[in-house]
Amino acid sequence: MKRVALFPGSFDPFTKGHEDIVLRGLKLFDEIIIAVGYNSSKNQRYFKIDFMLEKIRETFVKYPQINVVTYSELTAELARKHQARFLLRGLRNTTDFEYENSIAQVNRFLNEELESVFLITSPPFAAINSSIIREVHRYGGDVSPMLPYQL
């Protein structure tokens, strides 16, 4: 059976840390679906979703086993639709673990065939997060070292 993993997130923006998790995930999975979601707890995206989809697709153009989709439904349901039995997530620290653990428990409750797989962030990317990148970019700072594409 094909091992399909879903890598869900708002990816506002998609960072080098995200890219690292996906590339390392390819050693574990036959296919990875990067699912860019509309986060109901966030009022507005900083980067337009179509722009981010384009940039993510450009980043992985040489990887036919990576697909990019958008969604606005429960992650567990999206996984079921794509026959993904795994959720791929990255952890930078214990705060991430606490948050991701709760989500993993709910996703497992909603879809008992769904296993969450956590990869520890590689040290060079541990300090990168989308919120910081948005703030630096908003005030004209150079965020290019933190992104796998050019803005």
Protein backbone atom coordinates (compact mmCIF):
# COMPACT_ATOMS: atom_id res chain seq x y z
CA MET A 1 0.00 0.00 0.00
CA LYS A 2 1.25 3.45 -0.94
CA ARG A 3 2.34 5.53 2.05
CA VAL A 4 0.70 8.94 1.62
CA ALA A 5 1.30 11.74 4.12
CA LEU A 6 -0.59 14.98 4.45
CA PHE A 7 1.43 18.02 5.53
CA PRO A 8 -1.24 20.54 6.55
CA GLY A 9 -0.80 24.15 7.56
CA SER A 10 -1.64 27.74 6.80
CA PHE A 11 1.89 28.25 5.45
CA ASP A 12 1.68 32.03 5.62
CA PRO A 13 4.46 31.91 4.46
CA PHE A 14 5.98 28.51 3.64
CA THR A 15 9.49 28.55 5.16
CA LYS A 16 12.79 26.74 4.76
CA GLY A 17 11.82 24.85 7.91
CA HIS A 18 8.68 23.59 6.18
CA GLU A 19 10.72 22.67 3.11
CA ASP A 20 13.15 20.70 5.29
CA ILE A 21 10.32 18.70 6.89
CA VAL A 22 8.87 17.84 3.46
CA LEU A 23 12.21 16.77 1.99
CA ARG A 24 13.02 14.63 5.03
CA GLY A 25 9.50 13.21 4.89
CA LEU A 26 10.20 11.90 1.39
CA LYS A 27 12.52 9.34 3.01
CA LEU A 28 9.50 7.97 4.91
CA PHE A 29 6.59 8.38 2.49
CA ASP A 30 5.85 7.62 -1.15
CA GLU A 31 3.81 10.78 -1.59
CA ILE A 32 3.42 13.99 0.38
CA ILE A 33 0.45 16.29 -0.05
CA ILE A 34 1.13 19.81 1.16
CA ALA A 35 -2.30 21.08 2.18
CA VAL A 36 -2.60 24.85 2.50
CA GLY A 37 -5.56 25.49 4.73
CA TYR A 38 -7.73 28.42 5.56
CA ASN A 39 -7.24 28.75 9.32
CA SER A 40 -10.54 29.75 10.93
CA SER A 41 -8.74 31.27 13.92
CA LYS A 42 -6.81 33.69 11.67
CA ASN A 43 -8.85 36.54 10.24
CA GLN A 44 -6.72 37.32 7.24
CA ARG A 45 -3.69 35.93 5.46
CA TYR A 46 -0.60 38.08 5.04
CA PHE A 47 0.40 36.43 1.75
CA LYS A 48 -2.38 35.63 -0.71
CA ILE A 49 -3.10 31.93 -0.87
CA ASP A 50 -2.70 31.71 -4.67
CA PHE A 51 0.72 33.35 -4.43
CA MET A 52 1.80 30.88 -1.75
CA LEU A 53 0.52 27.89 -3.76
CA GLU A 54 2.58 29.07 -6.73
CA LYS A 55 5.72 29.49 -4.60
CA ILE A 56 5.34 26.08 -2.95
CA ARG A 57 4.80 24.40 -6.33
CA GLU A 58 7.89 26.18 -7.71
CA THR A 59 9.90 24.97 -4.72
CA PHE A 60 9.05 21.32 -5.42
CA VAL A 61 8.77 21.36 -9.22
CA LYS A 62 11.37 18.57 -9.48
CA TYR A 63 9.48 16.29 -7.08
CA PRO A 64 6.51 14.58 -8.77
CA GLN A 65 5.72 12.77 -5.51
CA ILE A 66 4.83 16.10 -3.86
CA ASN A 67 1.43 17.65 -4.52
CA VAL A 68 0.00 20.93 -3.29
CA VAL A 69 -3.70 21.47 -2.54
CA THR A 70 -5.87 23.96 -0.68
CA TYR A 71 -8.59 23.05 1.78
CA SER A 72 -11.18 24.50 4.10
CA GLU A 73 -12.46 21.44 5.95
CA LEU A 74 -11.36 19.21 8.78
CA THR A 75 -7.84 17.91 8.22
CA ALA A 76 -8.96 14.38 9.14
CA GLU A 77 -11.57 14.49 6.37
CA LEU A 78 -9.09 15.82 3.83
CA ALA A 79 -6.73 12.97 4.71
CA ARG A 80 -9.53 10.46 4.19
CA LYS A 81 -10.37 11.96 0.75
CA HIS A 82 -6.74 11.67 -0.36
CA GLN A 83 -6.24 8.24 1.23
CA ALA A 84 -3.49 9.70 3.39
CA ARG A 85 -2.90 7.56 6.46
CA PHE A 86 -0.27 9.88 7.93
CA LEU A 87 -0.09 13.49 9.03
CA LEU A 88 3.41 14.93 8.78
CA ARG A 89 4.27 17.69 11.25
CA GLY A 90 7.41 19.46 12.37
CA LEU A 91 8.29 20.26 15.98
CA ARG A 92 10.63 23.08 16.94
CA ASN A 93 10.20 22.93 20.71
CA THR A 94 8.06 21.68 23.59
CA THR A 95 5.46 24.39 22.98
CA ASP A 96 4.95 23.00 19.46
CA PHE A 97 4.68 19.50 20.93
CA GLU A 98 1.90 20.51 23.35
CA TYR A 99 -0.08 22.16 20.57
CA GLU A 100 0.50 19.41 17.99
CA ASN A 101 -0.23 16.63 20.48
CA SER A 102 -3.72 18.01 21.13
CA ILE A 103 -4.42 18.31 17.40
CA ALA A 104 -3.09 14.80 16.76
CA GLN A 105 -5.42 13.38 19.40
CA VAL A 106 -8.47 15.04 17.84
CA ASN A 107 -7.46 14.00 14.32
CA ARG A 108 -7.06 10.41 15.50
CA PHE A 109 -10.50 10.56 17.13
CA LEU A 110 -12.03 11.85 13.87
CA ASN A 111 -10.14 9.39 11.65
CA GLU A 112 -8.84 6.32 13.49
CA GLU A 113 -6.67 5.28 10.53
CA LEU A 114 -4.70 8.53 10.71
CA GLU A 115 -1.28 8.48 12.38
CA SER A 116 0.60 11.68 13.16
CA VAL A 117 4.33 11.57 12.46
CA PHE A 118 6.47 14.28 14.03
CA LEU A 119 9.91 15.27 12.78
CA ILE A 120 12.13 17.41 14.96
CA THR A 121 13.16 20.57 13.14
CA SER A 122 16.73 20.60 11.88
CA PRO A 123 18.84 22.99 14.03
CA PRO A 124 19.44 25.64 11.32
CA PHE A 125 15.67 26.15 11.02
CA ALA A 126 14.59 25.92 14.67
CA ALA A 127 14.23 29.68 15.14
CA ILE A 128 12.24 30.26 11.95
CA ASN A 129 8.50 30.70 12.19
CA SER A 130 5.94 32.26 9.88
CA SER A 131 4.83 34.90 12.40
CA ILE A 132 8.35 36.29 12.73
CA ILE A 133 8.85 36.25 8.97
CA ARG A 134 5.63 38.21 8.43
CA GLU A 135 6.68 40.80 11.00
CA VAL A 136 10.17 41.22 9.54
CA HIS A 137 8.72 41.48 6.02
CA ARG A 138 6.04 43.96 7.11
CA TYR A 139 8.76 46.36 8.26
CA GLY A 140 10.98 45.92 5.21
CA GLY A 141 13.51 43.44 6.59
CA ASP A 142 15.20 40.82 4.43
CA VAL A 143 13.43 37.48 4.86
CA SER A 144 15.07 35.74 1.88
CA PRO A 145 17.41 33.59 4.04
CA MET A 146 14.34 32.04 5.70
CA LEU A 147 12.38 31.19 2.52
CA PRO A 148 13.08 28.56 -0.17
CA TYR A 149 11.90 30.95 -2.93
CA GLN A 150 12.12 34.66 -3.77
CA LEU A 151 9.28 37.03 -2.88
